[in-house]
Amino acid sequence: MKKILIVEDDPSVAKALAIRLESSGYEVTIAPDAMLGVMSALKNNPDLTVLDISLPAGNGFTVADRIQELLPHQTPFIFMTASRQPDLRKKAEILGARAFFEKPYETEELLAAIKGALGE
């Protein structure tokens, strides 16, 4: 079973996404802030990380950098944000994000991006 880490500070968004991913056959862990996101990645070694950009205790870009530095393998990541700042998508692409979604997002599109990032 593939493991997905969701780093999202909005509990309702995180829970809804986790339920959807679990019903699609994934093992899901949720971290509510940047620091716990990095710690959870080290503990659970996820196959993919879905990151909000605006987080308490840091941001999604920092979390992605730290995960890539600390895990022994490249972990694909997907960014989500409620922000409409035009430079965020470009920064996500530079960091190597597999996808970038603005909230609200289409769940089916996010699920397709997750499957693609996992090579399914």
N, C-alpha and C. Protein backbone atom coordinates (compact mmCIF):
# COMPACT_ATOMS: atom_id res chain seq x y z
N MET A 1 0.84 -1.17 0.00
CA MET A 1 0.00 0.00 0.00
C MET A 1 0.90 1.24 0.00
N LYS A 2 0.65 2.16 -0.92
CA LYS A 2 1.43 3.39 -1.02
C LYS A 2 1.06 4.33 0.12
N LYS A 3 2.09 5.02 0.65
CA LYS A 3 1.90 5.93 1.77
C LYS A 3 1.93 7.38 1.28
N ILE A 4 0.94 8.15 1.71
CA ILE A 4 0.86 9.56 1.35
C ILE A 4 0.82 10.39 2.62
N LEU A 5 1.67 11.42 2.65
CA LEU A 5 1.68 12.38 3.75
C LEU A 5 0.96 13.64 3.27
N ILE A 6 -0.01 14.08 4.04
CA ILE A 6 -0.71 15.34 3.77
C ILE A 6 -0.25 16.34 4.82
N VAL A 7 0.34 17.46 4.38
CA VAL A 7 0.75 18.52 5.30
C VAL A 7 -0.18 19.69 5.02
N GLU A 8 -1.18 19.83 5.90
CA GLU A 8 -2.28 20.79 5.69
C GLU A 8 -2.77 21.26 7.04
N ASP A 9 -2.87 22.59 7.23
CA ASP A 9 -3.28 23.12 8.53
C ASP A 9 -4.79 23.29 8.67
N ASP A 10 -5.55 23.16 7.61
CA ASP A 10 -7.01 23.24 7.70
C ASP A 10 -7.54 21.82 7.94
N PRO A 11 -8.03 21.55 9.15
CA PRO A 11 -8.45 20.18 9.48
C PRO A 11 -9.53 19.63 8.55
N SER A 12 -10.45 20.46 8.09
CA SER A 12 -11.51 19.95 7.23
C SER A 12 -10.98 19.56 5.86
N VAL A 13 -10.04 20.33 5.32
CA VAL A 13 -9.42 20.00 4.03
C VAL A 13 -8.61 18.72 4.16
N ALA A 14 -7.80 18.65 5.22
CA ALA A 14 -6.96 17.47 5.43
C ALA A 14 -7.80 16.21 5.60
N LYS A 15 -8.85 16.29 6.41
CA LYS A 15 -9.70 15.12 6.67
C LYS A 15 -10.42 14.67 5.41
N ALA A 16 -10.98 15.62 4.66
CA ALA A 16 -11.69 15.25 3.43
C ALA A 16 -10.76 14.58 2.43
N LEU A 17 -9.56 15.13 2.28
CA LEU A 17 -8.60 14.54 1.36
C LEU A 17 -8.14 13.17 1.85
N ALA A 18 -7.91 13.04 3.15
CA ALA A 18 -7.48 11.75 3.70
C ALA A 18 -8.54 10.68 3.48
N ILE A 19 -9.80 11.02 3.72
CA ILE A 19 -10.88 10.05 3.50
C ILE A 19 -10.90 9.60 2.05
N ARG A 20 -10.77 10.55 1.15
CA ARG A 20 -10.80 10.22 -0.29
C ARG A 20 -9.62 9.32 -0.67
N LEU A 21 -8.45 9.65 -0.17
CA LEU A 21 -7.26 8.85 -0.50
C LEU A 21 -7.32 7.46 0.13
N GLU A 22 -7.78 7.38 1.37
CA GLU A 22 -7.91 6.07 2.01
C GLU A 22 -8.91 5.19 1.27
N SER A 23 -10.00 5.79 0.80
CA SER A 23 -10.99 5.01 0.06
C SER A 23 -10.45 4.58 -1.31
N SER A 24 -9.37 5.24 -1.76
CA SER A 24 -8.72 4.85 -3.01
C SER A 24 -7.58 3.88 -2.78
N GLY A 25 -7.39 3.45 -1.53
CA GLY A 25 -6.41 2.40 -1.24
C GLY A 25 -5.06 2.88 -0.76
N TYR A 26 -4.95 4.13 -0.33
CA TYR A 26 -3.67 4.64 0.16
C TYR A 26 -3.66 4.68 1.68
N GLU A 27 -2.46 4.55 2.24
CA GLU A 27 -2.25 4.76 3.67
C GLU A 27 -1.92 6.23 3.84
N VAL A 28 -2.65 6.94 4.70
CA VAL A 28 -2.52 8.39 4.80
C VAL A 28 -2.11 8.82 6.21
N THR A 29 -1.18 9.77 6.26
CA THR A 29 -0.79 10.43 7.49
C THR A 29 -1.01 11.92 7.29
N ILE A 30 -1.50 12.59 8.33
CA ILE A 30 -1.74 14.03 8.26
C ILE A 30 -0.83 14.74 9.25
N ALA A 31 -0.21 15.83 8.80
CA ALA A 31 0.57 16.70 9.68
C ALA A 31 0.01 18.11 9.56
N PRO A 32 -0.26 18.79 10.68
CA PRO A 32 -0.93 20.09 10.63
C PRO A 32 -0.01 21.30 10.48
N ASP A 33 1.31 21.10 10.50
CA ASP A 33 2.21 22.24 10.32
C ASP A 33 3.53 21.78 9.71
N ALA A 34 4.37 22.74 9.39
CA ALA A 34 5.62 22.44 8.67
C ALA A 34 6.55 21.54 9.49
N MET A 35 6.74 21.86 10.74
CA MET A 35 7.66 21.09 11.57
C MET A 35 7.19 19.63 11.70
N LEU A 36 5.91 19.44 11.99
CA LEU A 36 5.38 18.08 12.12
C LEU A 36 5.38 17.37 10.76
N GLY A 37 5.26 18.14 9.68
CA GLY A 37 5.34 17.55 8.35
C GLY A 37 6.69 16.90 8.10
N VAL A 38 7.76 17.61 8.43
CA VAL A 38 9.11 17.06 8.25
C VAL A 38 9.31 15.86 9.17
N MET A 39 8.90 16.00 10.42
CA MET A 39 9.06 14.89 11.37
C MET A 39 8.28 13.66 10.93
N SER A 40 7.07 13.87 10.42
CA SER A 40 6.24 12.76 9.96
C SER A 40 6.86 12.09 8.73
N ALA A 41 7.44 12.89 7.85
CA ALA A 41 8.10 12.31 6.67
C ALA A 41 9.26 11.43 7.08
N LEU A 42 10.04 11.87 8.05
CA LEU A 42 11.17 11.07 8.52
C LEU A 42 10.70 9.77 9.17
N LYS A 43 9.61 9.86 9.92
CA LYS A 43 9.09 8.69 10.63
C LYS A 43 8.42 7.70 9.68
N ASN A 44 7.62 8.21 8.72
CA ASN A 44 6.78 7.34 7.89
C ASN A 44 7.30 7.06 6.49
N ASN A 45 8.31 7.81 6.05
CA ASN A 45 8.91 7.61 4.74
C ASN A 45 7.84 7.49 3.64
N PRO A 46 7.08 8.56 3.39
CA PRO A 46 5.97 8.48 2.44
C PRO A 46 6.43 8.29 1.00
N ASP A 47 5.54 7.74 0.19
CA ASP A 47 5.80 7.59 -1.24
C ASP A 47 5.49 8.89 -1.99
N LEU A 48 4.69 9.77 -1.35
CA LEU A 48 4.31 11.04 -1.95
C LEU A 48 3.86 11.97 -0.83
N THR A 49 4.12 13.27 -1.01
CA THR A 49 3.68 14.26 -0.03
C THR A 49 2.82 15.30 -0.73
N VAL A 50 1.65 15.59 -0.14
CA VAL A 50 0.77 16.65 -0.61
C VAL A 50 0.91 17.78 0.40
N LEU A 51 1.34 18.96 -0.08
CA LEU A 51 1.70 20.06 0.80
C LEU A 51 0.89 21.31 0.54
N ASP A 52 0.35 21.87 1.62
CA ASP A 52 -0.19 23.22 1.54
C ASP A 52 1.03 24.14 1.55
N ILE A 53 0.93 25.31 0.94
CA ILE A 53 2.08 26.22 0.93
C ILE A 53 2.12 27.06 2.21
N SER A 54 0.99 27.61 2.61
CA SER A 54 0.95 28.44 3.83
C SER A 54 0.66 27.55 5.03
N LEU A 55 1.67 27.42 5.88
CA LEU A 55 1.56 26.53 7.04
C LEU A 55 2.09 27.21 8.30
N PRO A 56 1.57 26.84 9.45
CA PRO A 56 2.22 27.28 10.69
C PRO A 56 3.62 26.66 10.78
N ALA A 57 4.53 27.35 11.41
CA ALA A 57 5.90 26.87 11.66
C ALA A 57 6.70 26.69 10.38
N GLY A 58 6.38 27.43 9.32
CA GLY A 58 7.13 27.34 8.08
C GLY A 58 6.20 27.38 6.88
N ASN A 59 6.68 26.86 5.76
CA ASN A 59 5.82 26.79 4.58
C ASN A 59 6.10 25.50 3.81
N GLY A 60 5.22 25.20 2.88
CA GLY A 60 5.33 23.96 2.12
C GLY A 60 6.62 23.84 1.32
N PHE A 61 7.13 24.97 0.84
CA PHE A 61 8.38 24.93 0.08
C PHE A 61 9.54 24.48 0.97
N THR A 62 9.58 24.98 2.18
CA THR A 62 10.62 24.59 3.14
C THR A 62 10.49 23.11 3.49
N VAL A 63 9.26 22.67 3.69
CA VAL A 63 9.02 21.25 4.01
C VAL A 63 9.52 20.37 2.86
N ALA A 64 9.19 20.73 1.64
CA ALA A 64 9.63 19.94 0.48
C ALA A 64 11.16 19.88 0.42
N ASP A 65 11.82 21.01 0.62
CA ASP A 65 13.29 21.05 0.64
C ASP A 65 13.85 20.13 1.70
N ARG A 66 13.32 20.22 2.92
CA ARG A 66 13.85 19.41 4.02
C ARG A 66 13.63 17.92 3.77
N ILE A 67 12.45 17.57 3.27
CA ILE A 67 12.17 16.16 2.98
C ILE A 67 13.15 15.63 1.94
N GLN A 68 13.41 16.41 0.91
CA GLN A 68 14.34 15.96 -0.14
C GLN A 68 15.76 15.82 0.41
N GLU A 69 16.12 16.69 1.35
CA GLU A 69 17.46 16.61 1.95
C GLU A 69 17.60 15.41 2.88
N LEU A 70 16.54 15.09 3.63
CA LEU A 70 16.65 14.13 4.72
C LEU A 70 16.27 12.70 4.37
N LEU A 71 15.41 12.51 3.38
CA LEU A 71 15.02 11.14 3.04
C LEU A 71 16.03 10.55 2.05
N PRO A 72 16.24 9.24 2.13
CA PRO A 72 17.26 8.61 1.29
C PRO A 72 16.86 8.48 -0.18
N HIS A 73 15.63 8.79 -0.51
CA HIS A 73 15.17 8.69 -1.90
C HIS A 73 14.35 9.92 -2.26
N GLN A 74 14.23 10.20 -3.54
CA GLN A 74 13.42 11.32 -3.99
C GLN A 74 11.95 11.01 -3.75
N THR A 75 11.29 11.88 -3.04
CA THR A 75 9.87 11.73 -2.76
C THR A 75 9.11 12.75 -3.58
N PRO A 76 8.22 12.32 -4.47
CA PRO A 76 7.45 13.31 -5.24
C PRO A 76 6.51 14.10 -4.33
N PHE A 77 6.24 15.33 -4.73
CA PHE A 77 5.33 16.15 -3.94
C PHE A 77 4.43 16.97 -4.85
N ILE A 78 3.27 17.29 -4.29
CA ILE A 78 2.24 18.08 -4.96
C ILE A 78 1.88 19.22 -4.02
N PHE A 79 1.81 20.44 -4.56
CA PHE A 79 1.45 21.60 -3.75
C PHE A 79 -0.01 21.98 -3.94
N MET A 80 -0.60 22.49 -2.84
CA MET A 80 -1.95 23.06 -2.87
C MET A 80 -1.85 24.42 -2.16
N THR A 81 -2.65 25.38 -2.62
CA THR A 81 -2.67 26.68 -1.94
C THR A 81 -3.98 27.41 -2.19
N ALA A 82 -4.36 28.23 -1.23
CA ALA A 82 -5.51 29.12 -1.40
C ALA A 82 -5.04 30.47 -1.92
N SER A 83 -3.74 30.70 -1.93
CA SER A 83 -3.18 31.97 -2.38
C SER A 83 -3.25 32.09 -3.90
N ARG A 84 -3.41 33.30 -4.36
CA ARG A 84 -3.44 33.55 -5.81
C ARG A 84 -2.18 34.28 -6.28
N GLN A 85 -1.12 34.23 -5.46
CA GLN A 85 0.13 34.88 -5.84
C GLN A 85 0.69 34.21 -7.09
N PRO A 86 0.97 34.96 -8.13
CA PRO A 86 1.39 34.37 -9.41
C PRO A 86 2.73 33.65 -9.37
N ASP A 87 3.61 34.01 -8.46
CA ASP A 87 4.94 33.39 -8.44
C ASP A 87 4.98 32.03 -7.75
N LEU A 88 3.93 31.65 -7.06
CA LEU A 88 3.94 30.38 -6.32
C LEU A 88 4.03 29.17 -7.24
N ARG A 89 3.27 29.18 -8.33
CA ARG A 89 3.30 28.05 -9.26
C ARG A 89 4.71 27.88 -9.84
N LYS A 90 5.33 28.98 -10.21
CA LYS A 90 6.67 28.92 -10.78
C LYS A 90 7.67 28.38 -9.76
N LYS A 91 7.56 28.85 -8.52
CA LYS A 91 8.46 28.35 -7.47
C LYS A 91 8.26 26.84 -7.26
N ALA A 92 7.01 26.40 -7.28
CA ALA A 92 6.73 24.96 -7.12
C ALA A 92 7.36 24.17 -8.26
N GLU A 93 7.25 24.69 -9.48
CA GLU A 93 7.85 24.00 -10.63
C GLU A 93 9.37 23.92 -10.50
N ILE A 94 9.98 25.01 -10.05
CA ILE A 94 11.44 25.03 -9.88
C ILE A 94 11.87 23.99 -8.86
N LEU A 95 11.07 23.80 -7.81
CA LEU A 95 11.39 22.81 -6.78
C LEU A 95 11.14 21.37 -7.24
N GLY A 96 10.48 21.22 -8.39
CA GLY A 96 10.25 19.88 -8.91
C GLY A 96 8.90 19.28 -8.58
N ALA A 97 7.94 20.13 -8.22
CA ALA A 97 6.60 19.62 -7.88
C ALA A 97 6.01 18.87 -9.07
N ARG A 98 5.32 17.79 -8.78
CA ARG A 98 4.65 17.02 -9.83
C ARG A 98 3.35 17.67 -10.27
N ALA A 99 2.76 18.50 -9.36
CA ALA A 99 1.53 19.21 -9.70
C ALA A 99 1.36 20.37 -8.73
N PHE A 100 0.47 21.29 -9.12
CA PHE A 100 0.19 22.48 -8.33
C PHE A 100 -1.30 22.76 -8.45
N PHE A 101 -2.00 22.86 -7.31
CA PHE A 101 -3.44 23.08 -7.32
C PHE A 101 -3.79 24.30 -6.48
N GLU A 102 -4.68 25.12 -7.01
CA GLU A 102 -5.24 26.22 -6.25
C GLU A 102 -6.54 25.73 -5.62
N LYS A 103 -6.74 26.09 -4.35
CA LYS A 103 -7.98 25.72 -3.66
C LYS A 103 -9.07 26.69 -4.07
N PRO A 104 -10.28 26.28 -4.24
CA PRO A 104 -10.72 24.89 -4.19
C PRO A 104 -10.27 24.14 -5.43
N TYR A 105 -9.96 22.89 -5.28
CA TYR A 105 -9.46 22.07 -6.38
C TYR A 105 -10.49 20.98 -6.70
N GLU A 106 -10.36 20.43 -7.88
CA GLU A 106 -11.21 19.30 -8.28
C GLU A 106 -10.56 18.03 -7.73
N THR A 107 -11.28 17.31 -6.90
CA THR A 107 -10.73 16.12 -6.26
C THR A 107 -10.26 15.09 -7.28
N GLU A 108 -11.02 14.91 -8.34
CA GLU A 108 -10.63 13.91 -9.35
C GLU A 108 -9.32 14.30 -10.04
N GLU A 109 -9.11 15.59 -10.27
CA GLU A 109 -7.86 16.05 -10.88
C GLU A 109 -6.69 15.82 -9.94
N LEU A 110 -6.89 16.10 -8.65
CA LEU A 110 -5.84 15.86 -7.67
C LEU A 110 -5.53 14.38 -7.57
N LEU A 111 -6.55 13.55 -7.55
CA LEU A 111 -6.35 12.10 -7.49
C LEU A 111 -5.59 11.60 -8.72
N ALA A 112 -5.91 12.12 -9.88
CA ALA A 112 -5.19 11.75 -11.11
C ALA A 112 -3.73 12.17 -11.03
N ALA A 113 -3.47 13.37 -10.49
CA ALA A 113 -2.09 13.84 -10.35
C ALA A 113 -1.33 12.97 -9.36
N ILE A 114 -1.98 12.55 -8.28
CA ILE A 114 -1.34 11.67 -7.31
C ILE A 114 -0.99 10.33 -7.94
N LYS A 115 -1.92 9.76 -8.67
CA LYS A 115 -1.65 8.48 -9.34
C LYS A 115 -0.51 8.62 -10.34
N GLY A 116 -0.50 9.72 -11.07
CA GLY A 116 0.58 9.96 -12.03
C GLY A 116 1.93 10.11 -11.34
N ALA A 117 1.97 10.83 -10.24
CA ALA A 117 3.22 11.04 -9.51
C ALA A 117 3.74 9.74 -8.91
N LEU A 118 2.81 8.83 -8.59
CA LEU A 118 3.20 7.53 -8.03
C LEU A 118 3.45 6.48 -9.11
N GLY A 119 3.28 6.87 -10.37
CA GLY A 119 3.51 5.93 -11.47
C GLY A 119 2.44 4.86 -11.58
N GLU A 120 1.23 5.20 -11.20
CA GLU A 120 0.13 4.22 -11.25
C GLU A 120 -0.72 4.41 -12.51
